[in-house]
Amino acid sequence: MKQLLIITFWILTGLSISAQATYSSVDNINSSTIKISDLESFKNQFEDWNVGNLHIYSQAGSTIDDDYYFKGKEVHPNFARYLPKSISDNWIERGKVPSHVAAVRGVMQEDYYILRVDDREKGANTLVLYELTNEKLKPLKTLAYHFNKNNKVYQMDSWMQDVNGDTRLDLIQKTKISDKKGKTRRQKFKVYLQNQPGAFKLSKIDVNVESYKLQKI
């Protein structure tokens, strides 16, 4: 009986050591493969937004309010290699750090990504939609801006929604140029339908223009 107990003890001990070694091995594999600079980690920085009808707008000036909906979080320097060269160069030359805002559904089960960037022409809080191609973000559409130039104020807002019922997210865009007194000098309204490959094509589809109001900034 004593001999049987000793044998059972060593069998259980061996199983415990084997299990511990297995878990330890898995931990080592995970810790060695998860890197702060890898592509999946970069994609995971973007919060997933289940968009149905999203009004996208910019903010005036170079500062940003804490409650601004599209503030986002600054991109870590380790992820710079996934950004377009124009953003990387701007980051290096002027210290203008881009912010990842959100991931929204694209096509073929791939996401599109919204970044807030400091654009040399369109202002510090320009919002741009990107797709990921060959491990590099590629700009698809400028979504929103607000800047002053030559005593005029330039503003663009966008709305992401399914306009034609094909389940793909389309873009409605309104731009306005105002004088220093706030009087509208020019205004444009455009609708871009997203096709099956994911490109946004200008359309003449009829929508209620009056239901799309620019954000008061």
Protein backbone atom coordinates (compact mmCIF):
# COMPACT_ATOMS: atom_id res chain seq x y z
CA MET A 1 0.00 0.00 0.00
CA LYS A 2 2.83 2.37 0.94
CA GLN A 3 4.57 1.63 -2.34
CA LEU A 4 1.36 2.41 -4.28
CA LEU A 5 1.03 5.79 -2.52
CA ILE A 6 4.63 6.67 -3.39
CA ILE A 7 4.08 5.79 -7.08
CA THR A 8 0.84 7.86 -7.20
CA PHE A 9 2.65 10.83 -5.60
CA TRP A 10 5.40 10.83 -8.23
CA ILE A 11 2.89 10.50 -11.09
CA LEU A 12 0.90 13.52 -9.84
CA THR A 13 4.11 15.49 -9.27
CA GLY A 14 5.23 14.73 -12.81
CA LEU A 15 1.91 15.88 -14.27
CA SER A 16 2.09 19.11 -12.27
CA ILE A 17 5.62 19.86 -13.47
CA SER A 18 4.63 19.07 -17.06
CA ALA A 19 1.61 21.40 -16.87
CA GLN A 20 3.69 24.19 -15.37
CA ALA A 21 6.29 23.79 -18.11
CA THR A 22 3.58 23.92 -20.77
CA TYR A 23 2.04 27.14 -19.41
CA SER A 24 5.48 28.64 -18.98
CA SER A 25 6.30 27.81 -22.59
CA VAL A 26 3.07 29.45 -23.83
CA ASP A 27 3.78 32.56 -21.78
CA ASN A 28 7.26 32.78 -23.26
CA ILE A 29 5.91 32.41 -26.80
CA ASN A 30 3.29 35.10 -26.26
CA SER A 31 5.70 37.53 -24.66
CA SER A 32 8.22 37.06 -27.45
CA THR A 33 5.73 37.50 -30.30
CA ILE A 34 3.70 40.45 -28.97
CA LYS A 35 5.63 43.63 -29.74
CA ILE A 36 4.58 47.24 -29.35
CA SER A 37 5.69 47.93 -32.92
CA ASP A 38 3.85 45.12 -34.73
CA LEU A 39 0.95 45.70 -37.12
CA GLU A 40 -1.77 44.07 -35.03
CA SER A 41 -0.81 46.20 -32.04
CA PHE A 42 -1.01 49.28 -34.26
CA LYS A 43 -4.49 48.34 -35.52
CA ASN A 44 -5.65 47.65 -31.98
CA GLN A 45 -4.83 51.23 -30.99
CA PHE A 46 -7.93 52.35 -32.91
CA GLU A 47 -11.21 52.11 -31.06
CA ASP A 48 -13.86 50.22 -33.07
CA TRP A 49 -16.87 52.41 -33.85
CA ASN A 50 -20.04 50.74 -35.08
CA VAL A 51 -21.04 53.61 -37.37
CA GLY A 52 -24.60 54.07 -38.56
CA ASN A 53 -24.84 57.84 -38.89
CA LEU A 54 -21.76 59.78 -37.81
CA HIS A 55 -21.29 63.54 -38.10
CA ILE A 56 -17.57 64.29 -38.35
CA TYR A 57 -16.31 67.81 -37.67
CA SER A 58 -13.09 69.62 -36.85
CA GLN A 59 -12.16 72.10 -34.14
CA ALA A 60 -10.77 75.60 -34.55
CA GLY A 61 -7.24 76.58 -33.60
CA SER A 62 -4.20 74.51 -32.71
CA THR A 63 -5.40 73.44 -29.25
CA ILE A 64 -7.88 70.65 -28.55
CA ASP A 65 -10.67 70.42 -25.98
CA ASP A 66 -10.72 67.39 -23.71
CA ASP A 67 -14.37 66.71 -24.57
CA TYR A 68 -13.86 66.97 -28.33
CA TYR A 69 -15.36 63.76 -29.70
CA PHE A 70 -12.61 63.23 -32.29
CA LYS A 71 -9.64 64.02 -30.08
CA GLY A 72 -8.21 60.50 -30.19
CA LYS A 73 -4.87 59.50 -28.68
CA GLU A 74 -1.38 60.25 -29.92
CA VAL A 75 0.23 57.59 -32.10
CA HIS A 76 3.24 55.95 -30.45
CA PRO A 77 6.54 56.64 -32.28
CA ASN A 78 7.07 52.89 -32.74
CA PHE A 79 4.13 52.86 -35.15
CA ALA A 80 5.44 55.63 -37.42
CA ARG A 81 6.38 53.12 -40.12
CA TYR A 82 2.69 52.37 -40.78
CA LEU A 83 1.89 56.02 -41.50
CA PRO A 84 2.04 57.81 -44.87
CA LYS A 85 5.34 59.57 -45.56
CA SER A 86 3.65 62.98 -45.47
CA ILE A 87 2.57 62.42 -41.86
CA SER A 88 5.90 60.93 -40.82
CA ASP A 89 7.81 63.84 -42.36
CA ASN A 90 5.52 66.36 -40.67
CA TRP A 91 6.07 64.54 -37.40
CA ILE A 92 9.84 64.65 -37.75
CA GLU A 93 10.16 68.18 -39.15
CA ARG A 94 7.55 69.99 -37.06
CA GLY A 95 6.92 67.69 -34.13
CA LYS A 96 3.24 67.39 -35.06
CA VAL A 97 2.10 64.09 -33.60
CA PRO A 98 -0.94 62.46 -35.31
CA SER A 99 -3.72 60.90 -33.23
CA HIS A 100 -5.60 57.67 -33.90
CA VAL A 101 -9.33 58.31 -33.53
CA ALA A 102 -11.33 55.26 -34.60
CA ALA A 103 -11.68 52.24 -36.87
CA VAL A 104 -14.87 51.98 -38.94
CA ARG A 105 -16.05 49.20 -41.21
CA GLY A 106 -14.68 49.21 -44.72
CA VAL A 107 -15.02 46.48 -47.36
CA MET A 108 -13.96 42.83 -47.57
CA GLN A 109 -14.05 42.61 -43.76
CA GLU A 110 -11.30 45.22 -43.51
CA ASP A 111 -11.50 48.38 -41.44
CA TYR A 112 -10.87 51.97 -42.43
CA TYR A 113 -9.07 54.25 -40.00
CA ILE A 114 -9.71 57.84 -38.93
CA LEU A 115 -6.71 59.93 -37.90
CA ARG A 116 -6.55 63.50 -36.62
CA VAL A 117 -3.53 65.16 -38.19
CA ASP A 118 -1.93 68.60 -38.29
CA ASP A 119 -2.22 69.54 -41.96
CA ARG A 120 -0.02 72.37 -43.21
CA GLU A 121 -2.90 73.85 -45.24
CA LYS A 122 -6.11 72.64 -43.61
CA GLY A 123 -5.29 73.16 -39.95
CA ALA A 124 -4.21 71.38 -36.80
CA ASN A 125 -7.35 69.27 -36.36
CA THR A 126 -7.87 67.83 -39.81
CA LEU A 127 -9.63 64.46 -39.85
CA VAL A 128 -8.71 62.00 -42.61
CA LEU A 129 -9.99 58.54 -43.52
CA TYR A 130 -7.36 55.92 -44.41
CA GLU A 131 -7.21 52.34 -45.63
CA LEU A 132 -4.40 49.92 -44.79
CA THR A 133 -2.54 48.73 -47.89
CA ASN A 134 0.71 46.73 -47.77
CA GLU A 135 1.14 47.61 -44.09
CA LYS A 136 0.88 51.33 -44.79
CA LEU A 137 -2.02 53.72 -44.29
CA LYS A 138 -3.22 55.26 -47.54
CA PRO A 139 -5.52 58.34 -47.49
CA LEU A 140 -8.99 57.82 -48.92
CA LYS A 141 -10.82 61.05 -48.07
CA THR A 142 -10.34 64.20 -46.05
CA LEU A 143 -13.34 64.23 -43.70
CA ALA A 144 -13.21 67.51 -41.81
CA TYR A 145 -11.20 70.70 -41.38
CA HIS A 146 -11.49 74.24 -40.04
CA PHE A 147 -8.91 76.95 -40.76
CA ASN A 148 -8.49 80.65 -41.47
CA LYS A 149 -6.75 82.04 -44.55
CA ASN A 150 -6.74 85.51 -46.12
CA ASN A 151 -9.47 86.74 -43.77
CA LYS A 152 -11.73 83.83 -44.69
CA VAL A 153 -12.86 80.81 -42.70
CA TYR A 154 -12.87 77.41 -44.41
CA GLN A 155 -14.89 74.52 -42.97
CA MET A 156 -15.68 71.00 -44.07
CA ASP A 157 -17.92 68.51 -42.24
CA SER A 158 -18.70 64.94 -43.27
CA TRP A 159 -21.41 62.44 -42.46
CA MET A 160 -20.81 58.70 -42.70
CA GLN A 161 -23.98 56.71 -43.36
CA ASP A 162 -25.49 54.22 -45.78
CA VAL A 163 -27.23 56.49 -48.29
CA ASN A 164 -28.40 53.96 -50.91
CA GLY A 165 -29.15 50.92 -48.73
CA ASP A 166 -26.31 48.65 -49.89
CA THR A 167 -24.89 48.35 -46.32
CA ARG A 168 -21.69 50.20 -47.29
CA LEU A 169 -20.84 53.47 -45.56
CA ASP A 170 -21.12 56.46 -47.88
CA LEU A 171 -19.96 60.04 -47.41
CA ILE A 172 -21.97 63.24 -47.39
CA GLN A 173 -19.75 66.33 -47.36
CA LYS A 174 -20.55 69.99 -46.91
CA THR A 175 -17.95 72.77 -47.28
CA LYS A 176 -18.36 76.45 -46.53
CA ILE A 177 -16.25 79.58 -46.97
CA SER A 178 -17.17 82.53 -44.75
CA ASP A 179 -15.80 86.05 -44.40
CA LYS A 180 -14.46 87.47 -41.13
CA LYS A 181 -17.96 88.66 -40.22
CA GLY A 182 -19.35 85.14 -40.53
CA LYS A 183 -21.25 85.70 -43.75
CA THR A 184 -21.29 82.70 -46.09
CA ARG A 185 -19.50 83.40 -49.36
CA ARG A 186 -19.60 79.95 -50.89
CA GLN A 187 -21.06 76.59 -49.94
CA LYS A 188 -20.89 73.15 -51.57
CA PHE A 189 -22.66 69.87 -50.89
CA LYS A 190 -21.49 66.52 -52.28
CA VAL A 191 -22.42 62.87 -51.87
CA TYR A 192 -19.90 60.09 -52.40
CA LEU A 193 -21.17 56.52 -52.64
CA GLN A 194 -18.79 53.75 -51.66
CA ASN A 195 -18.53 51.09 -54.35
CA GLN A 196 -17.75 47.39 -53.90
CA PRO A 197 -13.93 47.80 -54.08
CA GLY A 198 -14.21 50.50 -51.40
CA ALA A 199 -13.64 53.69 -53.41
CA PHE A 200 -15.85 56.74 -52.89
CA LYS A 201 -17.45 57.93 -56.13
CA LEU A 202 -19.22 61.26 -56.58
CA SER A 203 -22.96 60.71 -57.03
CA LYS A 204 -26.03 62.71 -58.00
CA ILE A 205 -28.29 60.74 -55.65
CA ASP A 206 -31.02 62.90 -54.13
CA VAL A 207 -30.70 63.64 -50.39
CA ASN A 208 -32.20 66.30 -48.14
CA VAL A 209 -29.47 68.95 -48.07
CA GLU A 210 -31.19 70.94 -45.32
CA SER A 211 -30.96 68.06 -42.86
CA TYR A 212 -27.16 68.30 -42.80
CA LYS A 213 -26.07 71.20 -40.60
CA LEU A 214 -22.44 72.24 -40.20
CA GLN A 215 -21.07 72.11 -36.68
CA LYS A 216 -20.95 75.53 -35.02
CA ILE A 217 -17.29 76.12 -34.23
